[in-house]
Amino acid sequence: MAMFVAMNRFRVIKEEAGAFEERWIGRDSQLHKVPGFVTFSLLKGPEREDHILYASHTIWRSPQDFEAWTQSEAFRTAHGGSGSSKPLTLGHPEFEGFEAVGGAERGEQPA
């Protein structure tokens, strides 16, 4: 099973969590138009003293498909103006990329 997982971790200011979620849920991501895109999730994690951890989580067929997305017009459209309003996070997101080296799907034996 070839797969690439791309994640960005965000430290969201507690008082801005609602606005952060609305920005992500309401935007035109353009992902449905991109070759190699499989799925997207916005994940809400643990609450800390000064922030709530979130992660954007996308699955791609390959690292090359993800890289092509980051160089595309669709990417520029989806991310246009992302830094133009009131800050919602503490610092910049932290990117993490993972290639699948094993796994299992429902109804299959583990690899």
N, C-alpha and C. Protein backbone atom coordinates (compact mmCIF):
# COMPACT_ATOMS: atom_id res chain seq x y z
N MET A 1 0.85 -1.17 0.00
CA MET A 1 0.00 0.00 0.00
C MET A 1 0.90 1.24 0.00
N ALA A 2 1.02 1.91 -1.13
CA ALA A 2 1.79 3.15 -1.21
C ALA A 2 0.93 4.27 -0.63
N MET A 3 1.57 5.10 0.20
CA MET A 3 0.81 6.18 0.83
C MET A 3 1.78 7.17 1.45
N PHE A 4 1.38 8.44 1.45
CA PHE A 4 2.14 9.49 2.12
C PHE A 4 1.18 10.29 2.98
N VAL A 5 1.54 10.49 4.24
CA VAL A 5 0.73 11.27 5.17
C VAL A 5 1.44 12.60 5.41
N ALA A 6 0.74 13.69 5.19
CA ALA A 6 1.28 15.03 5.43
C ALA A 6 0.49 15.67 6.56
N MET A 7 1.22 16.10 7.60
CA MET A 7 0.57 16.70 8.76
C MET A 7 1.21 18.03 9.09
N ASN A 8 0.39 18.98 9.45
CA ASN A 8 0.85 20.25 10.02
C ASN A 8 0.25 20.35 11.41
N ARG A 9 1.10 20.59 12.39
CA ARG A 9 0.65 20.74 13.77
C ARG A 9 0.59 22.22 14.10
N PHE A 10 -0.52 22.63 14.70
CA PHE A 10 -0.76 24.04 15.04
C PHE A 10 -1.00 24.16 16.54
N ARG A 11 -0.36 25.14 17.15
CA ARG A 11 -0.64 25.49 18.54
C ARG A 11 -1.61 26.67 18.51
N VAL A 12 -2.90 26.37 18.66
CA VAL A 12 -3.96 27.36 18.50
C VAL A 12 -4.25 28.03 19.84
N ILE A 13 -4.27 29.36 19.82
CA ILE A 13 -4.61 30.14 21.01
C ILE A 13 -6.01 29.72 21.45
N LYS A 14 -6.15 29.38 22.73
CA LYS A 14 -7.42 28.83 23.22
C LYS A 14 -8.63 29.66 22.81
N GLU A 15 -8.54 30.95 22.99
CA GLU A 15 -9.67 31.84 22.70
C GLU A 15 -9.98 31.91 21.21
N GLU A 16 -9.08 31.43 20.36
CA GLU A 16 -9.25 31.51 18.91
C GLU A 16 -9.59 30.15 18.29
N ALA A 17 -9.83 29.14 19.10
CA ALA A 17 -10.09 27.79 18.58
C ALA A 17 -11.30 27.77 17.65
N GLY A 18 -12.38 28.44 18.01
CA GLY A 18 -13.57 28.47 17.16
C GLY A 18 -13.29 29.11 15.81
N ALA A 19 -12.58 30.23 15.82
CA ALA A 19 -12.24 30.92 14.56
C ALA A 19 -11.30 30.05 13.72
N PHE A 20 -10.36 29.37 14.36
CA PHE A 20 -9.44 28.49 13.65
C PHE A 20 -10.21 27.37 12.94
N GLU A 21 -11.12 26.73 13.66
CA GLU A 21 -11.91 25.65 13.07
C GLU A 21 -12.77 26.17 11.92
N GLU A 22 -13.40 27.31 12.10
CA GLU A 22 -14.23 27.89 11.04
C GLU A 22 -13.41 28.18 9.79
N ARG A 23 -12.20 28.72 9.98
CA ARG A 23 -11.34 29.03 8.84
C ARG A 23 -11.03 27.77 8.04
N TRP A 24 -10.70 26.68 8.72
CA TRP A 24 -10.35 25.43 8.05
C TRP A 24 -11.56 24.76 7.43
N ILE A 25 -12.67 24.71 8.15
CA ILE A 25 -13.84 24.01 7.67
C ILE A 25 -14.52 24.77 6.53
N GLY A 26 -14.46 26.10 6.58
CA GLY A 26 -15.15 26.91 5.59
C GLY A 26 -14.37 27.24 4.33
N ARG A 27 -13.10 26.89 4.29
CA ARG A 27 -12.31 27.31 3.13
C ARG A 27 -12.46 26.36 1.95
N ASP A 28 -12.18 26.87 0.78
CA ASP A 28 -12.20 26.08 -0.45
C ASP A 28 -10.83 25.47 -0.63
N SER A 29 -10.64 24.25 -0.15
CA SER A 29 -9.30 23.65 -0.10
C SER A 29 -8.75 23.30 -1.47
N GLN A 30 -9.61 23.07 -2.45
CA GLN A 30 -9.19 22.67 -3.80
C GLN A 30 -8.66 21.24 -3.86
N LEU A 31 -8.60 20.54 -2.73
CA LEU A 31 -8.00 19.21 -2.69
C LEU A 31 -8.71 18.22 -3.61
N HIS A 32 -10.01 18.31 -3.70
CA HIS A 32 -10.77 17.36 -4.52
C HIS A 32 -10.37 17.40 -6.00
N LYS A 33 -9.67 18.44 -6.41
CA LYS A 33 -9.25 18.60 -7.80
C LYS A 33 -7.84 18.08 -8.05
N VAL A 34 -7.13 17.68 -6.99
CA VAL A 34 -5.70 17.41 -7.10
C VAL A 34 -5.42 15.91 -7.28
N PRO A 35 -4.68 15.54 -8.33
CA PRO A 35 -4.33 14.13 -8.52
C PRO A 35 -3.54 13.59 -7.33
N GLY A 36 -3.88 12.40 -6.90
CA GLY A 36 -3.16 11.74 -5.82
C GLY A 36 -3.70 12.01 -4.44
N PHE A 37 -4.63 12.96 -4.30
CA PHE A 37 -5.22 13.24 -2.99
C PHE A 37 -6.18 12.12 -2.62
N VAL A 38 -6.12 11.68 -1.35
CA VAL A 38 -7.00 10.61 -0.87
C VAL A 38 -8.01 11.14 0.15
N THR A 39 -7.53 11.77 1.23
CA THR A 39 -8.45 12.24 2.27
C THR A 39 -7.80 13.34 3.11
N PHE A 40 -8.65 14.13 3.77
CA PHE A 40 -8.21 15.20 4.66
C PHE A 40 -9.00 15.13 5.95
N SER A 41 -8.33 15.41 7.07
CA SER A 41 -9.00 15.55 8.37
C SER A 41 -8.34 16.69 9.13
N LEU A 42 -9.16 17.45 9.86
CA LEU A 42 -8.63 18.41 10.82
C LEU A 42 -8.82 17.78 12.18
N LEU A 43 -7.73 17.57 12.90
CA LEU A 43 -7.75 16.87 14.17
C LEU A 43 -7.55 17.84 15.32
N LYS A 44 -8.36 17.69 16.36
CA LYS A 44 -8.23 18.51 17.56
C LYS A 44 -7.61 17.63 18.64
N GLY A 45 -6.52 18.12 19.22
CA GLY A 45 -5.79 17.34 20.20
C GLY A 45 -5.91 17.89 21.61
N PRO A 46 -4.90 17.64 22.42
CA PRO A 46 -4.96 18.02 23.83
C PRO A 46 -4.88 19.52 24.05
N GLU A 47 -5.50 19.94 25.14
CA GLU A 47 -5.46 21.33 25.56
C GLU A 47 -4.29 21.50 26.52
N ARG A 48 -3.52 22.55 26.30
CA ARG A 48 -2.40 22.90 27.17
C ARG A 48 -2.73 24.20 27.89
N GLU A 49 -1.80 24.69 28.66
CA GLU A 49 -2.05 25.91 29.43
C GLU A 49 -2.39 27.10 28.55
N ASP A 50 -1.65 27.27 27.45
CA ASP A 50 -1.84 28.46 26.61
C ASP A 50 -2.32 28.17 25.19
N HIS A 51 -2.60 26.89 24.85
CA HIS A 51 -3.05 26.59 23.50
C HIS A 51 -3.75 25.23 23.45
N ILE A 52 -4.37 24.98 22.29
CA ILE A 52 -4.94 23.67 21.97
C ILE A 52 -4.20 23.18 20.73
N LEU A 53 -3.78 21.93 20.76
CA LEU A 53 -3.05 21.36 19.64
C LEU A 53 -4.03 20.88 18.57
N TYR A 54 -3.80 21.28 17.32
CA TYR A 54 -4.57 20.81 16.17
C TYR A 54 -3.58 20.25 15.15
N ALA A 55 -4.06 19.37 14.29
CA ALA A 55 -3.24 18.88 13.19
C ALA A 55 -4.10 18.77 11.94
N SER A 56 -3.59 19.30 10.84
CA SER A 56 -4.21 19.01 9.54
C SER A 56 -3.55 17.73 9.05
N HIS A 57 -4.34 16.81 8.54
CA HIS A 57 -3.87 15.47 8.22
C HIS A 57 -4.37 15.12 6.82
N THR A 58 -3.48 15.02 5.86
CA THR A 58 -3.88 14.61 4.52
C THR A 58 -3.16 13.33 4.14
N ILE A 59 -3.86 12.49 3.40
CA ILE A 59 -3.27 11.26 2.87
C ILE A 59 -3.21 11.39 1.36
N TRP A 60 -2.05 11.02 0.83
CA TRP A 60 -1.76 11.10 -0.60
C TRP A 60 -1.31 9.73 -1.10
N ARG A 61 -1.43 9.50 -2.39
CA ARG A 61 -0.93 8.24 -2.96
C ARG A 61 0.58 8.14 -2.88
N SER A 62 1.27 9.29 -2.94
CA SER A 62 2.74 9.26 -2.95
C SER A 62 3.29 10.60 -2.48
N PRO A 63 4.56 10.61 -2.08
CA PRO A 63 5.20 11.90 -1.75
C PRO A 63 5.23 12.84 -2.96
N GLN A 64 5.36 12.27 -4.14
CA GLN A 64 5.40 13.09 -5.35
C GLN A 64 4.06 13.80 -5.59
N ASP A 65 2.96 13.10 -5.31
CA ASP A 65 1.65 13.74 -5.45
C ASP A 65 1.52 14.91 -4.47
N PHE A 66 1.97 14.71 -3.23
CA PHE A 66 1.92 15.79 -2.25
C PHE A 66 2.79 16.96 -2.69
N GLU A 67 4.00 16.67 -3.15
CA GLU A 67 4.91 17.73 -3.59
C GLU A 67 4.31 18.51 -4.76
N ALA A 68 3.67 17.80 -5.69
CA ALA A 68 3.02 18.47 -6.83
C ALA A 68 1.92 19.40 -6.34
N TRP A 69 1.15 18.98 -5.31
CA TRP A 69 0.11 19.83 -4.72
C TRP A 69 0.71 21.11 -4.19
N THR A 70 1.85 21.04 -3.50
CA THR A 70 2.43 22.23 -2.89
C THR A 70 2.95 23.22 -3.94
N GLN A 71 3.15 22.75 -5.17
CA GLN A 71 3.63 23.61 -6.24
C GLN A 71 2.51 24.07 -7.18
N SER A 72 1.27 23.67 -6.87
CA SER A 72 0.16 23.89 -7.80
C SER A 72 -0.56 25.23 -7.58
N GLU A 73 -1.30 25.62 -8.59
CA GLU A 73 -2.17 26.79 -8.50
C GLU A 73 -3.26 26.56 -7.47
N ALA A 74 -3.75 25.33 -7.38
CA ALA A 74 -4.78 24.98 -6.40
C ALA A 74 -4.27 25.23 -4.97
N PHE A 75 -3.01 24.91 -4.71
CA PHE A 75 -2.41 25.15 -3.39
C PHE A 75 -2.37 26.65 -3.10
N ARG A 76 -1.93 27.44 -4.07
CA ARG A 76 -1.86 28.89 -3.88
C ARG A 76 -3.25 29.47 -3.64
N THR A 77 -4.25 28.97 -4.35
CA THR A 77 -5.62 29.44 -4.16
C THR A 77 -6.12 29.09 -2.76
N ALA A 78 -5.90 27.86 -2.34
CA ALA A 78 -6.38 27.39 -1.03
C ALA A 78 -5.71 28.12 0.13
N HIS A 79 -4.45 28.52 -0.05
CA HIS A 79 -3.70 29.15 1.03
C HIS A 79 -3.60 30.66 0.90
N GLY A 80 -4.21 31.23 -0.11
CA GLY A 80 -4.18 32.67 -0.30
C GLY A 80 -4.81 33.40 0.87
N GLY A 81 -4.09 34.36 1.44
CA GLY A 81 -4.62 35.15 2.54
C GLY A 81 -4.59 34.46 3.89
N SER A 82 -3.91 33.32 4.00
CA SER A 82 -3.93 32.59 5.27
C SER A 82 -3.24 33.35 6.40
N GLY A 83 -2.34 34.25 6.07
CA GLY A 83 -1.67 35.00 7.13
C GLY A 83 -2.11 36.45 7.22
N SER A 84 -3.23 36.80 6.59
CA SER A 84 -3.61 38.20 6.47
C SER A 84 -4.54 38.70 7.56
N SER A 85 -4.96 37.85 8.48
CA SER A 85 -5.88 38.30 9.52
C SER A 85 -5.27 38.10 10.90
N LYS A 86 -6.06 38.33 11.92
CA LYS A 86 -5.64 38.21 13.30
C LYS A 86 -4.98 36.85 13.55
N PRO A 87 -3.85 36.82 14.24
CA PRO A 87 -3.18 35.54 14.52
C PRO A 87 -4.07 34.61 15.36
N LEU A 88 -4.14 33.36 14.95
CA LEU A 88 -4.92 32.37 15.66
C LEU A 88 -4.02 31.33 16.35
N THR A 89 -2.74 31.35 15.99
CA THR A 89 -1.81 30.34 16.49
C THR A 89 -0.60 30.97 17.17
N LEU A 90 0.08 30.15 17.95
CA LEU A 90 1.36 30.53 18.54
C LEU A 90 2.44 30.06 17.59
N GLY A 91 2.98 30.95 16.81
CA GLY A 91 4.03 30.59 15.86
C GLY A 91 3.51 29.92 14.61
N HIS A 92 4.45 29.41 13.82
CA HIS A 92 4.14 28.76 12.55
C HIS A 92 3.80 27.30 12.77
N PRO A 93 3.05 26.69 11.84
CA PRO A 93 2.77 25.26 11.96
C PRO A 93 4.06 24.45 11.81
N GLU A 94 4.04 23.26 12.38
CA GLU A 94 5.17 22.33 12.27
C GLU A 94 4.78 21.21 11.33
N PHE A 95 5.48 21.09 10.20
CA PHE A 95 5.18 20.07 9.19
C PHE A 95 5.85 18.75 9.54
N GLU A 96 5.11 17.66 9.30
CA GLU A 96 5.64 16.30 9.44
C GLU A 96 5.11 15.48 8.27
N GLY A 97 5.99 14.81 7.55
CA GLY A 97 5.60 13.96 6.43
C GLY A 97 6.04 12.53 6.68
N PHE A 98 5.18 11.58 6.35
CA PHE A 98 5.45 10.17 6.61
C PHE A 98 5.12 9.32 5.39
N GLU A 99 6.03 8.41 5.01
CA GLU A 99 5.75 7.42 3.98
C GLU A 99 5.33 6.13 4.65
N ALA A 100 4.30 5.49 4.12
CA ALA A 100 3.84 4.22 4.69
C ALA A 100 4.85 3.12 4.38
N VAL A 101 5.19 2.35 5.40
CA VAL A 101 6.09 1.20 5.22
C VAL A 101 5.38 -0.09 5.61
N GLY A 102 4.15 0.00 6.06
CA GLY A 102 3.35 -1.17 6.41
C GLY A 102 1.99 -0.70 6.86
N GLY A 103 1.07 -1.63 7.03
CA GLY A 103 -0.27 -1.25 7.49
C GLY A 103 -1.26 -2.36 7.22
N ALA A 104 -2.51 -2.07 7.50
CA ALA A 104 -3.59 -3.03 7.28
C ALA A 104 -4.87 -2.26 7.03
N GLU A 105 -5.76 -2.87 6.31
CA GLU A 105 -7.09 -2.32 6.09
C GLU A 105 -8.11 -3.34 6.55
N ARG A 106 -9.28 -2.88 6.87
CA ARG A 106 -10.35 -3.76 7.34
C ARG A 106 -10.53 -4.90 6.36
N GLY A 107 -10.57 -6.09 6.87
CA GLY A 107 -10.77 -7.26 6.02
C GLY A 107 -9.50 -7.84 5.44
N GLU A 108 -8.34 -7.22 5.75
CA GLU A 108 -7.05 -7.72 5.25
C GLU A 108 -6.19 -8.19 6.41
N GLN A 109 -5.27 -9.05 6.13
CA GLN A 109 -4.27 -9.45 7.12
C GLN A 109 -3.22 -8.36 7.21
N PRO A 110 -2.70 -8.05 8.42
CA PRO A 110 -1.65 -7.01 8.55
C PRO A 110 -0.42 -7.34 7.72
N ALA A 111 0.22 -6.29 7.24
CA ALA A 111 1.45 -6.43 6.45
C ALA A 111 2.63 -6.73 7.35
